[in-house]
PDB file of all heavy atoms in Angstrom:
ATOM      1  N   CYS A   1       6.409-107.226  55.856  1.00  0.00           N
ATOM      2  CA  CYS A   1       5.019-106.767  55.887  1.00  0.00           C
ATOM      3  C   CYS A   1       4.426-106.625  57.275  1.00  0.00           C
ATOM      4  O   CYS A   1       3.292-107.079  57.526  1.00  0.00           O
ATOM      5  CB  CYS A   1       4.143-107.705  55.044  1.00  0.00           C
ATOM      6  SG  CYS A   1       4.705-107.867  53.332  1.00  0.00           S
ATOM      7  N   SER A   2       5.131-105.975  58.186  1.00  0.00           N
ATOM      8  CA  SER A   2       4.533-105.597  59.462  1.00  0.00           C
ATOM      9  C   SER A   2       4.364-104.078  59.505  1.00  0.00           C
ATOM     10  O   SER A   2       5.018-103.341  58.762  1.00  0.00           O
ATOM     11  CB  SER A   2       5.384-106.089  60.628  1.00  0.00           C
ATOM     12  OG  SER A   2       5.232-107.490  60.779  1.00  0.00           O
ATOM     13  N   LYS A   3       3.495-103.618  60.383  1.00  0.00           N
ATOM     14  CA  LYS A   3       3.150-102.193  60.434  1.00  0.00           C
ATOM     15  C   LYS A   3       3.141-101.709  61.881  1.00  0.00           C
ATOM     16  O   LYS A   3       2.553-102.357  62.756  1.00  0.00           O
ATOM     17  CB  LYS A   3       1.781-101.963  59.790  1.00  0.00           C
ATOM     18  CG  LYS A   3       1.312-100.513  59.804  1.00  0.00           C
ATOM     19  CD  LYS A   3       0.097-100.297  58.917  1.00  0.00           C
ATOM     20  CE  LYS A   3      -1.116-101.048  59.389  1.00  0.00           C
ATOM     21  NZ  LYS A   3      -2.326-100.673  58.604  1.00  0.00           N
ATOM     22  N   PHE A   4       3.763-100.558  62.122  1.00  0.00           N
ATOM     23  CA  PHE A   4       3.854 -99.952  63.454  1.00  0.00           C
ATOM     24  C   PHE A   4       3.264 -98.547  63.381  1.00  0.00           C
ATOM     25  O   PHE A   4       3.782 -97.685  62.671  1.00  0.00           O
ATOM     26  CB  PHE A   4       5.306 -99.904  63.916  1.00  0.00           C
ATOM     27  CG  PHE A   4       5.909-101.266  64.137  1.00  0.00           C
ATOM     28  CD1 PHE A   4       6.358-102.018  63.070  1.00  0.00           C
ATOM     29  CD2 PHE A   4       5.990-101.804  65.413  1.00  0.00           C
ATOM     30  CE1 PHE A   4       6.892-103.294  63.264  1.00  0.00           C
ATOM     31  CE2 PHE A   4       6.517-103.071  65.617  1.00  0.00           C
ATOM     32  CZ  PHE A   4       6.969-103.809  64.546  1.00  0.00           C
ATOM     33  N   GLU A   5       2.192 -98.318  64.125  1.00  0.00           N
ATOM     34  CA  GLU A   5       1.492 -97.039  64.072  1.00  0.00           C
ATOM     35  C   GLU A   5       1.149 -96.527  65.467  1.00  0.00           C
ATOM     36  O   GLU A   5       0.744 -97.300  66.347  1.00  0.00           O
ATOM     37  CB  GLU A   5       0.173 -97.185  63.296  1.00  0.00           C
ATOM     38  CG  GLU A   5       0.325 -97.476  61.823  1.00  0.00           C
ATOM     39  CD  GLU A   5      -1.028 -97.540  61.129  1.00  0.00           C
ATOM     40  OE1 GLU A   5      -1.914 -98.300  61.594  1.00  0.00           O
ATOM     41  OE2 GLU A   5      -1.195 -96.815  60.133  1.00  0.00           O
ATOM     42  N   ARG A   6       1.339 -95.238  65.657  1.00  0.00           N
ATOM     43  CA  ARG A   6       0.889 -94.525  66.866  1.00  0.00           C
ATOM     44  C   ARG A   6       1.477 -95.109  68.148  1.00  0.00           C
ATOM     45  O   ARG A   6       0.845 -95.092  69.210  1.00  0.00           O
ATOM     46  CB  ARG A   6      -0.648 -94.500  66.950  1.00  0.00           C
ATOM     47  CG  ARG A   6      -1.310 -93.836  65.757  1.00  0.00           C
ATOM     48  CD  ARG A   6      -2.819 -93.696  65.962  1.00  0.00           C
ATOM     49  NE  ARG A   6      -3.470 -94.968  66.237  1.00  0.00           N
ATOM     50  CZ  ARG A   6      -3.849 -95.834  65.293  1.00  0.00           C
ATOM     51  NH1 ARG A   6      -3.621 -95.572  64.006  1.00  0.00           N
ATOM     52  NH2 ARG A   6      -4.463 -96.953  65.631  1.00  0.00           N
ATOM     53  N   ASN A   7       2.683 -95.622  68.057  1.00  0.00           N
ATOM     54  CA  ASN A   7       3.373 -96.121  69.244  1.00  0.00           C
ATOM     55  C   ASN A   7       4.304 -95.055  69.791  1.00  0.00           C
ATOM     56  O   ASN A   7       4.775 -94.172  69.070  1.00  0.00           O
ATOM     57  CB  ASN A   7       4.180 -97.374  68.892  1.00  0.00           C
ATOM     58  CG  ASN A   7       3.302 -98.467  68.323  1.00  0.00           C
ATOM     59  OD1 ASN A   7       2.491 -99.064  69.018  1.00  0.00           O
ATOM     60  ND2 ASN A   7       3.455 -98.721  67.024  1.00  0.00           N
ATOM     61  N   ARG A   8       4.611 -95.165  71.084  1.00  0.00           N
ATOM     62  CA  ARG A   8       5.639 -94.336  71.710  1.00  0.00           C
ATOM     63  C   ARG A   8       6.867 -95.220  71.932  1.00  0.00           C
ATOM     64  O   ARG A   8       6.797 -96.219  72.651  1.00  0.00           O
ATOM     65  CB  ARG A   8       5.134 -93.759  73.016  1.00  0.00           C
ATOM     66  CG  ARG A   8       3.994 -92.757  72.829  1.00  0.00           C
ATOM     67  CD  ARG A   8       3.329 -92.417  74.143  1.00  0.00           C
ATOM     68  NE  ARG A   8       4.264 -91.772  75.064  1.00  0.00           N
ATOM     69  CZ  ARG A   8       4.001 -91.558  76.353  1.00  0.00           C
ATOM     70  NH1 ARG A   8       2.843 -91.965  76.878  1.00  0.00           N
ATOM     71  NH2 ARG A   8       4.887 -90.977  77.120  1.00  0.00           N
ATOM     72  N   ILE A   9       7.968 -94.853  71.294  1.00  0.00           N
ATOM     73  CA  ILE A   9       9.191 -95.655  71.300  1.00  0.00           C
ATOM     74  C   ILE A   9      10.292 -94.734  71.832  1.00  0.00           C
ATOM     75  O   ILE A   9      10.812 -93.886  71.103  1.00  0.00           O
ATOM     76  CB  ILE A   9       9.517 -96.169  69.886  1.00  0.00           C
ATOM     77  CG1 ILE A   9       8.309 -96.919  69.294  1.00  0.00           C
ATOM     78  CG2 ILE A   9      10.750 -97.063  69.903  1.00  0.00           C
ATOM     79  CD1 ILE A   9       8.409 -97.174  67.796  1.00  0.00           C
ATOM     80  N   TYR A  10      10.631 -94.884  73.107  1.00  0.00           N
ATOM     81  CA  TYR A  10      11.457 -93.849  73.715  1.00  0.00           C
ATOM     82  C   TYR A  10      12.349 -94.407  74.834  1.00  0.00           C
ATOM     83  O   TYR A  10      12.063 -95.440  75.431  1.00  0.00           O
ATOM     84  CB  TYR A  10      10.579 -92.726  74.261  1.00  0.00           C
ATOM     85  CG  TYR A  10       9.630 -93.121  75.384  1.00  0.00           C
ATOM     86  CD1 TYR A  10       9.984 -92.964  76.725  1.00  0.00           C
ATOM     87  CD2 TYR A  10       8.374 -93.640  75.108  1.00  0.00           C
ATOM     88  CE1 TYR A  10       9.122 -93.308  77.758  1.00  0.00           C
ATOM     89  CE2 TYR A  10       7.492 -93.993  76.131  1.00  0.00           C
ATOM     90  CZ  TYR A  10       7.876 -93.823  77.450  1.00  0.00           C
ATOM     91  OH  TYR A  10       7.012 -94.179  78.467  1.00  0.00           O
ATOM     92  N   SER A  11      13.451 -93.709  75.056  1.00  0.00           N
ATOM     93  CA  SER A  11      14.360 -93.950  76.200  1.00  0.00           C
ATOM     94  C   SER A  11      14.829 -95.394  76.277  1.00  0.00           C
ATOM     95  O   SER A  11      14.938 -95.980  77.359  1.00  0.00           O
ATOM     96  CB  SER A  11      13.666 -93.536  77.519  1.00  0.00           C
ATOM     97  OG  SER A  11      13.269 -92.194  77.482  1.00  0.00           O
ATOM     98  N   ASN A  12      15.142 -95.975  75.124  1.00  0.00           N
ATOM     99  CA  ASN A  12      15.635 -97.356  75.092  1.00  0.00           C
ATOM    100  C   ASN A  12      17.163 -97.341  75.156  1.00  0.00           C
ATOM    101  O   ASN A  12      17.851 -97.462  74.140  1.00  0.00           O
ATOM    102  CB  ASN A  12      15.112 -98.058  73.837  1.00  0.00           C
ATOM    103  CG  ASN A  12      13.614 -98.262  73.911  1.00  0.00           C
ATOM    104  OD1 ASN A  12      13.134 -99.074  74.687  1.00  0.00           O
ATOM    105  ND2 ASN A  12      12.867 -97.488  73.129  1.00  0.00           N
ATOM    106  N   ASN A  13      17.657 -97.165  76.386  1.00  0.00           N
ATOM    107  CA  ASN A  13      19.093 -96.986  76.626  1.00  0.00           C
ATOM    108  C   ASN A  13      19.593 -97.838  77.787  1.00  0.00           C
ATOM    109  O   ASN A  13      20.616 -97.519  78.389  1.00  0.00           O
ATOM    110  CB  ASN A  13      19.370 -95.508  76.929  1.00  0.00           C
ATOM    111  CG  ASN A  13      18.795 -94.565  75.882  1.00  0.00           C
ATOM    112  OD1 ASN A  13      19.129 -94.669  74.710  1.00  0.00           O
ATOM    113  ND2 ASN A  13      17.909 -93.664  76.298  1.00  0.00           N
ATOM    114  N   ALA A  14      18.890 -98.903  78.110  1.00  0.00           N
ATOM    115  CA  ALA A  14      19.245 -99.703  79.288  1.00  0.00           C
ATOM    116  C   ALA A  14      20.651-100.285  79.140  1.00  0.00           C
ATOM    117  O   ALA A  14      20.973-100.956  78.162  1.00  0.00           O
ATOM    118  CB  ALA A  14      18.236-100.822  79.491  1.00  0.00           C
ATOM    119  N   ASP A  15      21.473-100.054  80.139  1.00  0.00           N
ATOM    120  CA  ASP A  15      22.894-100.432  80.114  1.00  0.00           C
ATOM    121  C   ASP A  15      23.047-101.866  80.628  1.00  0.00           C
ATOM    122  O   ASP A  15      23.419-102.096  81.776  1.00  0.00           O
ATOM    123  CB  ASP A  15      23.688 -99.447  80.976  1.00  0.00           C
ATOM    124  CG  ASP A  15      25.182 -99.634  80.853  1.00  0.00           C
ATOM    125  OD1 ASP A  15      25.626-100.320  79.907  1.00  0.00           O
ATOM    126  OD2 ASP A  15      25.912 -99.104  81.714  1.00  0.00           O
ATOM    127  N   LEU A  16      22.771-102.831  79.766  1.00  0.00           N
ATOM    128  CA  LEU A  16      22.736-104.240  80.172  1.00  0.00           C
ATOM    129  C   LEU A  16      23.982-105.023  79.786  1.00  0.00           C
ATOM    130  O   LEU A  16      24.057-106.219  80.080  1.00  0.00           O
ATOM    131  CB  LEU A  16      21.513-104.918  79.535  1.00  0.00           C
ATOM    132  CG  LEU A  16      20.153-104.321  79.868  1.00  0.00           C
ATOM    133  CD1 LEU A  16      19.055-105.094  79.153  1.00  0.00           C
ATOM    134  CD2 LEU A  16      19.917-104.311  81.372  1.00  0.00           C
ATOM    135  N   PHE A  17      24.953-104.372  79.153  1.00  0.00           N
ATOM    136  CA  PHE A  17      26.129-105.086  78.668  1.00  0.00           C
ATOM    137  C   PHE A  17      27.417-104.514  79.250  1.00  0.00           C
ATOM    138  O   PHE A  17      28.490-104.670  78.671  1.00  0.00           O
ATOM    139  CB  PHE A  17      26.177-105.028  77.129  1.00  0.00           C
ATOM    140  CG  PHE A  17      24.988-105.656  76.466  1.00  0.00           C
ATOM    141  CD1 PHE A  17      23.868-104.893  76.154  1.00  0.00           C
ATOM    142  CD2 PHE A  17      24.974-107.012  76.166  1.00  0.00           C
ATOM    143  CE1 PHE A  17      22.759-105.470  75.542  1.00  0.00           C
ATOM    144  CE2 PHE A  17      23.873-107.598  75.559  1.00  0.00           C
ATOM    145  CZ  PHE A  17      22.760-106.833  75.245  1.00  0.00           C
ATOM    146  N   ASN A  18      27.325-103.867  80.413  1.00  0.00           N
ATOM    147  CA  ASN A  18      28.535-103.351  81.046  1.00  0.00           C
ATOM    148  C   ASN A  18      29.312-104.488  81.710  1.00  0.00           C
ATOM    149  O   ASN A  18      28.813-105.616  81.844  1.00  0.00           O
ATOM    150  CB  ASN A  18      28.180-102.255  82.054  1.00  0.00           C
ATOM    151  CG  ASN A  18      27.226-102.739  83.136  1.00  0.00           C
ATOM    152  OD1 ASN A  18      27.546-103.671  83.881  1.00  0.00           O
ATOM    153  ND2 ASN A  18      26.051-102.125  83.237  1.00  0.00           N
ATOM    154  N   ALA A  19      30.530-104.202  82.140  1.00  0.00           N
ATOM    155  CA  ALA A  19      31.414-105.253  82.653  1.00  0.00           C
ATOM    156  C   ALA A  19      30.846-105.914  83.907  1.00  0.00           C
ATOM    157  O   ALA A  19      30.951-107.142  84.078  1.00  0.00           O
ATOM    158  CB  ALA A  19      32.791-104.661  82.949  1.00  0.00           C
ATOM    159  N   GLN A  20      30.225-105.123  84.782  1.00  0.00           N
ATOM    160  CA  GLN A  20      29.661-105.690  86.002  1.00  0.00           C
ATOM    161  C   GLN A  20      28.528-106.663  85.683  1.00  0.00           C
ATOM    162  O   GLN A  20      28.451-107.763  86.244  1.00  0.00           O
ATOM    163  CB  GLN A  20      29.157-104.569  86.899  1.00  0.00           C
ATOM    164  CG  GLN A  20      28.586-105.051  88.224  1.00  0.00           C
ATOM    165  CD  GLN A  20      28.124-103.899  89.106  1.00  0.00           C
ATOM    166  OE1 GLN A  20      28.189-102.733  88.718  1.00  0.00           O
ATOM    167  NE2 GLN A  20      27.657-104.216  90.297  1.00  0.00           N
ATOM    168  N   ARG A  21      27.621-106.282  84.766  1.00  0.00           N
ATOM    169  CA  ARG A  21      26.521-107.164  84.407  1.00  0.00           C
ATOM    170  C   ARG A  21      27.028-108.400  83.671  1.00  0.00           C
ATOM    171  O   ARG A  21      26.535-109.517  83.891  1.00  0.00           O
ATOM    172  CB  ARG A  21      25.509-106.397  83.540  1.00  0.00           C
ATOM    173  CG  ARG A  21      24.245-107.185  83.170  1.00  0.00           C
ATOM    174  CD  ARG A  21      23.400-107.509  84.395  1.00  0.00           C
ATOM    175  NE  ARG A  21      22.960-106.310  85.058  1.00  0.00           N
ATOM    176  CZ  ARG A  21      21.773-105.726  84.864  1.00  0.00           C
ATOM    177  NH1 ARG A  21      20.895-106.247  84.035  1.00  0.00           N
ATOM    178  NH2 ARG A  21      21.448-104.634  85.531  1.00  0.00           N
ATOM    179  N   ASP A  22      28.021-108.226  82.798  1.00  0.00           N
ATOM    180  CA  ASP A  22      28.595-109.381  82.097  1.00  0.00           C
ATOM    181  C   ASP A  22      29.127-110.409  83.089  1.00  0.00           C
ATOM    182  O   ASP A  22      28.891-111.618  82.942  1.00  0.00           O
ATOM    183  CB  ASP A  22      29.734-108.921  81.180  1.00  0.00           C
ATOM    184  CG  ASP A  22      29.246-108.184  79.945  1.00  0.00           C
ATOM    185  OD1 ASP A  22      28.043-108.287  79.625  1.00  0.00           O
ATOM    186  OD2 ASP A  22      30.071-107.503  79.308  1.00  0.00           O
ATOM    187  N   ALA A  23      29.862-109.944  84.090  1.00  0.00           N
ATOM    188  CA  ALA A  23      30.438-110.863  85.075  1.00  0.00           C
ATOM    189  C   ALA A  23      29.347-111.586  85.857  1.00  0.00           C
ATOM    190  O   ALA A  23      29.431-112.807  86.078  1.00  0.00           O
ATOM    191  CB  ALA A  23      31.363-110.094  86.011  1.00  0.00           C
ATOM    192  N   TYR A  24      28.326-110.862  86.275  1.00  0.00           N
ATOM    193  CA  TYR A  24      27.239-111.483  87.033  1.00  0.00           C
ATOM    194  C   TYR A  24      26.527-112.545  86.192  1.00  0.00           C
ATOM    195  O   TYR A  24      26.200-113.639  86.681  1.00  0.00           O
ATOM    196  CB  TYR A  24      26.241-110.427  87.482  1.00  0.00           C
ATOM    197  CG  TYR A  24      25.095-111.004  88.276  1.00  0.00           C
ATOM    198  CD1 TYR A  24      25.212-111.223  89.646  1.00  0.00           C
ATOM    199  CD2 TYR A  24      23.893-111.354  87.662  1.00  0.00           C
ATOM    200  CE1 TYR A  24      24.173-111.777  90.383  1.00  0.00           C
ATOM    201  CE2 TYR A  24      22.849-111.904  88.377  1.00  0.00           C
ATOM    202  CZ  TYR A  24      22.994-112.112  89.741  1.00  0.00           C
ATOM    203  OH  TYR A  24      21.961-112.676  90.454  1.00  0.00           O
ATOM    204  N   CYS A  25      26.282-112.232  84.920  1.00  0.00           N
ATOM    205  CA  CYS A  25      25.489-113.123  84.074  1.00  0.00           C
ATOM    206  C   CYS A  25      26.263-114.356  83.610  1.00  0.00           C
ATOM    207  O   CYS A  25      25.677-115.259  82.998  1.00  0.00           O
ATOM    208  CB  CYS A  25      24.943-112.351  82.886  1.00  0.00           C
ATOM    209  SG  CYS A  25      23.696-111.108  83.354  1.00  0.00           S
ATOM    210  N   LYS A  26      27.554-114.428  83.906  1.00  0.00           N
ATOM    211  CA  LYS A  26      28.312-115.650  83.636  1.00  0.00           C
ATOM    212  C   LYS A  26      28.159-116.680  84.750  1.00  0.00           C
ATOM    213  O   LYS A  26      28.599-117.818  84.602  1.00  0.00           O
ATOM    214  CB  LYS A  26      29.790-115.312  83.435  1.00  0.00           C
ATOM    215  CG  LYS A  26      30.067-114.551  82.134  1.00  0.00           C
ATOM    216  CD  LYS A  26      31.539-114.188  82.001  1.00  0.00           C
ATOM    217  CE  LYS A  26      31.792-113.396  80.739  1.00  0.00           C
ATOM    218  NZ  LYS A  26      33.214-112.993  80.600  1.00  0.00           N
ATOM    219  N   ARG A  27      27.553-116.284  85.843  1.00  0.00           N
ATOM    220  CA  ARG A  27      27.324-117.234  86.934  1.00  0.00           C
ATOM    221  C   ARG A  27      26.308-118.295  86.500  1.00  0.00           C
ATOM    222  O   ARG A  27      25.484-118.048  85.613  1.00  0.00           O
ATOM    223  CB  ARG A  27      26.809-116.491  88.165  1.00  0.00           C
ATOM    224  CG  ARG A  27      27.820-115.534  88.760  1.00  0.00           C
ATOM    225  CD  ARG A  27      27.215-114.618  89.801  1.00  0.00           C
ATOM    226  NE  ARG A  27      26.531-115.342  90.869  1.00  0.00           N
ATOM    227  CZ  ARG A  27      25.990-114.753  91.929  1.00  0.00           C
ATOM    228  NH1 ARG A  27      26.052-113.431  92.061  1.00  0.00           N
ATOM    229  NH2 ARG A  27      25.393-115.457  92.860  1.00  0.00           N
ATOM    230  N   PRO A  28      26.332-119.479  87.099  1.00  0.00           N
ATOM    231  CA  PRO A  28      25.326-120.499  86.766  1.00  0.00           C
ATOM    232  C   PRO A  28      23.922-119.944  86.956  1.00  0.00           C
ATOM    233  O   PRO A  28      23.647-119.188  87.894  1.00  0.00           O
ATOM    234  CB  PRO A  28      25.627-121.631  87.752  1.00  0.00           C
ATOM    235  CG  PRO A  28      27.069-121.445  88.106  1.00  0.00           C
ATOM    236  CD  PRO A  28      27.318-119.970  88.083  1.00  0.00           C
ATOM    237  N   MET A  29      23.022-120.324  86.068  1.00  0.00           N
ATOM    238  CA  MET A  29      21.698-119.715  86.043  1.00  0.00           C
ATOM    239  C   MET A  29      20.968-119.832  87.380  1.00  0.00           C
ATOM    240  O   MET A  29      20.332-118.887  87.850  1.00  0.00           O
ATOM    241  CB  MET A  29      20.859-120.350  84.935  1.00  0.00           C
ATOM    242  CG  MET A  29      19.548-119.637  84.678  1.00  0.00           C
ATOM    243  SD  MET A  29      18.559-120.430  83.386  1.00  0.00           S
ATOM    244  CE  MET A  29      19.720-120.407  82.027  1.00  0.00           C
ATOM    245  N   LEU A  30      21.077-120.983  88.026  1.00  0.00           N
ATOM    246  CA  LEU A  30      20.318-121.202  89.258  1.00  0.00           C
ATOM    247  C   LEU A  30      20.866-120.412  90.437  1.00  0.00           C
ATOM    248  O   LEU A  30      20.212-120.315  91.476  1.00  0.00           O
ATOM    249  CB  LEU A  30      20.275-122.693  89.596  1.00  0.00           C
ATOM    250  CG  LEU A  30      19.495-123.561  88.605  1.00  0.00           C
ATOM    251  CD1 LEU A  30      19.520-125.021  89.044  1.00  0.00           C
ATOM    252  CD2 LEU A  30      18.058-123.083  88.456  1.00  0.00           C
ATOM    253  N   SER A  31      22.054-119.839  90.289  1.00  0.00           N
ATOM    254  CA  SER A  31      22.609-119.025  91.374  1.00  0.00           C
ATOM    255  C   SER A  31      22.311-117.548  91.196  1.00  0.00           C
ATOM    256  O   SER A  31      22.688-116.734  92.035  1.00  0.00           O
ATOM    257  CB  SER A  31      24.128-119.230  91.456  1.00  0.00           C
ATOM    258  OG  SER A  31      24.773-118.642  90.336  1.00  0.00           O
ATOM    259  N   ARG A  32      21.624-117.175  90.117  1.00  0.00           N
ATOM    260  CA  ARG A  32      21.315-115.772  89.860  1.00  0.00           C
ATOM    261  C   ARG A  32      19.958-115.401  90.443  1.00  0.00           C
ATOM    262  O   ARG A  32      19.054-116.223  90.541  1.00  0.00           O
ATOM    263  CB  ARG A  32      21.269-115.500  88.352  1.00  0.00           C
ATOM    264  CG  ARG A  32      22.511-115.797  87.588  1.00  0.00           C
ATOM    265  CD  ARG A  32      22.272-115.446  86.124  1.00  0.00           C
ATOM    266  NE  ARG A  32      23.064-116.285  85.227  1.00  0.00           N
ATOM    267  CZ  ARG A  32      22.720-116.556  83.984  1.00  0.00           C
ATOM    268  NH1 ARG A  32      21.588-116.076  83.498  1.00  0.00           N
ATOM    269  NH2 ARG A  32      23.486-117.318  83.242  1.00  0.00           N
ATOM    270  N   ASP A  33      19.820-114.140  90.773  1.00  0.00           N
ATOM    271  CA  ASP A  33      18.526-113.576  91.142  1.00  0.00           C
ATOM    272  C   ASP A  33      17.713-113.394  89.854  1.00  0.00           C
ATOM    273  O   ASP A  33      18.149-112.697  88.939  1.00  0.00           O
ATOM    274  CB  ASP A  33      18.743-112.225  91.825  1.00  0.00           C
ATOM    275  CG  ASP A  33      17.442-111.577  92.281  1.00  0.00           C
ATOM    276  OD1 ASP A  33      16.355-112.026  91.859  1.00  0.00           O
ATOM    277  OD2 ASP A  33      17.523-110.598  93.052  1.00  0.00           O
ATOM    278  N   PRO A  34      16.539-114.010  89.735  1.00  0.00           N
ATOM    279  CA  PRO A  34      15.762-113.856  88.500  1.00  0.00           C
ATOM    280  C   PRO A  34      15.344-112.425  88.217  1.00  0.00           C
ATOM    281  O   PRO A  34      14.972-112.099  87.089  1.00  0.00           O
ATOM    282  CB  PRO A  34      14.541-114.752  88.735  1.00  0.00           C
ATOM    283  CG  PRO A  34      14.472-114.935  90.202  1.00  0.00           C
ATOM    284  CD  PRO A  34      15.870-114.876  90.708  1.00  0.00           C
ATOM    285  N   LYS A  35      15.437-111.536  89.204  1.00  0.00           N
ATOM    286  CA  LYS A  35      15.094-110.139  88.987  1.00  0.00           C
ATOM    287  C   LYS A  35      16.274-109.316  88.472  1.00  0.00           C
ATOM    288  O   LYS A  35      16.138-108.112  88.284  1.00  0.00           O
ATOM    289  CB  LYS A  35      14.540-109.537  90.273  1.00  0.00           C
ATOM    290  CG  LYS A  35      13.213-110.145  90.691  1.00  0.00           C
ATOM    291  CD  LYS A  35      12.652-109.467  91.929  1.00  0.00           C
ATOM    292  CE  LYS A  35      11.315-110.092  92.318  1.00  0.00           C
ATOM    293  NZ  LYS A  35      10.738-109.444  93.516  1.00  0.00           N
ATOM    294  N   VAL A  36      17.421-109.959  88.265  1.00  0.00           N
ATOM    295  CA  VAL A  36      18.551-109.303  87.601  1.00  0.00           C
ATOM    296  C   VAL A  36      18.552-109.778  86.156  1.00  0.00           C
ATOM    297  O   VAL A  36      18.796-110.952  85.886  1.00  0.00           O
ATOM    298  CB  VAL A  36      19.888-109.631  88.288  1.00  0.00           C
ATOM    299  CG1 VAL A  36      21.048-108.995  87.523  1.00  0.00           C
ATOM    300  CG2 VAL A  36      19.870-109.138  89.728  1.00  0.00           C
ATOM    301  N   LEU A  37      18.260-108.878  85.253  1.00  0.00           N
ATOM    302  CA  LEU A  37      18.090-109.234  83.846  1.00  0.00           C
ATOM    303  C   LEU A  37      19.433-109.564  83.223  1.00  0.00           C
ATOM    304  O   LEU A  37      20.362-108.763  83.258  1.00  0.00           O
ATOM    305  CB  LEU A  37      17.425-108.075  83.105  1.00  0.00           C
ATOM    306  CG  LEU A  37      16.895-108.307  81.697  1.00  0.00           C
ATOM    307  CD1 LEU A  37      15.887-107.207  81.355  1.00  0.00           C
ATOM    308  CD2 LEU A  37      17.990-108.328  80.645  1.00  0.00           C
ATOM    309  N   CYS A  38      19.532-110.750  82.627  1.00  0.00           N
ATOM    310  CA  CYS A  38      20.724-111.167  81.882  1.00  0.00           C
ATOM    311  C   CYS A  38      20.348-111.316  80.417  1.00  0.00           C
ATOM    312  O   CYS A  38      19.523-112.171  80.069  1.00  0.00           O
ATOM    313  CB  CYS A  38      21.271-112.490  82.423  1.00  0.00           C
ATOM    314  SG  CYS A  38      22.091-112.325  84.015  1.00  0.00           S
ATOM    315  N   PRO A  39      20.910-110.496  79.534  1.00  0.00           N
ATOM    316  CA  PRO A  39      20.527-110.551  78.123  1.00  0.00           C
ATOM    317  C   PRO A  39      20.872-111.901  77.488  1.00  0.00           C
ATOM    318  O   PRO A  39      21.912-112.487  77.771  1.00  0.00           O
ATOM    319  CB  PRO A  39      21.351-109.430  77.487  1.00  0.00           C
ATOM    320  CG  PRO A  39      21.738-108.536  78.613  1.00  0.00           C
ATOM    321  CD  PRO A  39      21.887-109.427  79.800  1.00  0.00           C
ATOM    322  N   THR A  40      19.992-112.350  76.603  1.00  0.00           N
ATOM    323  CA  THR A  40      20.251-113.592  75.877  1.00  0.00           C
ATOM    324  C   THR A  40      20.754-113.340  74.462  1.00  0.00           C
ATOM    325  O   THR A  40      21.116-114.288  73.765  1.00  0.00           O
ATOM    326  CB  THR A  40      18.981-114.453  75.805  1.00  0.00           C
ATOM    327  OG1 THR A  40      17.953-113.714  75.141  1.00  0.00           O
ATOM    328  CG2 THR A  40      18.516-114.836  77.203  1.00  0.00           C
ATOM    329  N   GLU A  41      20.757-112.081  74.021  1.00  0.00           N
ATOM    330  CA  GLU A  41      21.331-111.748  72.724  1.00  0.00           C
ATOM    331  C   GLU A  41      21.832-110.312  72.751  1.00  0.00           C
ATOM    332  O   GLU A  41      21.401-109.505  73.584  1.00  0.00           O
ATOM    333  CB  GLU A  41      20.327-111.937  71.589  1.00  0.00           C
ATOM    334  CG  GLU A  41      19.118-111.016  71.642  1.00  0.00           C
ATOM    335  CD  GLU A  41      18.237-111.183  70.425  1.00  0.00           C
ATOM    336  OE1 GLU A  41      18.674-110.771  69.328  1.00  0.00           O
ATOM    337  OE2 GLU A  41      17.125-111.725  70.559  1.00  0.00           O
ATOM    338  N   LEU A  42      22.738-109.996  71.827  1.00  0.00           N
ATOM    339  CA  LEU A  42      23.292-108.651  71.746  1.00  0.00           C
ATOM    340  C   LEU A  42      22.389-107.775  70.890  1.00  0.00           C
ATOM    341  O   LEU A  42      21.938-108.178  69.811  1.00  0.00           O
ATOM    342  CB  LEU A  42      24.687-108.699  71.124  1.00  0.00           C
ATOM    343  CG  LEU A  42      25.377-107.344  70.918  1.00  0.00           C
ATOM    344  CD1 LEU A  42      25.618-106.644  72.246  1.00  0.00           C
ATOM    345  CD2 LEU A  42      26.690-107.523  70.165  1.00  0.00           C
ATOM    346  N   VAL A  43      22.128-106.568  71.368  1.00  0.00           N
ATOM    347  CA  VAL A  43      21.375-105.572  70.614  1.00  0.00           C
ATOM    348  C   VAL A  43      22.135-104.250  70.663  1.00  0.00           C
ATOM    349  O   VAL A  43      22.973-104.036  71.544  1.00  0.00           O
ATOM    350  CB  VAL A  43      19.958-105.398  71.200  1.00  0.00           C
ATOM    351  CG1 VAL A  43      19.180-106.707  71.139  1.00  0.00           C
ATOM    352  CG2 VAL A  43      19.999-104.878  72.635  1.00  0.00           C
TER     353      VAL A  43
END
C-alpha cells in the first residue's frame, strides 16, 4: 500500500559492481575514501 505519483525515475545505471569497485570495497572500511560509494546490497 504505497503510492508513487508524478516522479521522474531515470538513468539508474550506475556501474557500482564492476571488478575494480569490488576490489576496492573489500578493503577495510577505515582505509577507504568515504566519497567512493561501496554498495551494501546487490540490486
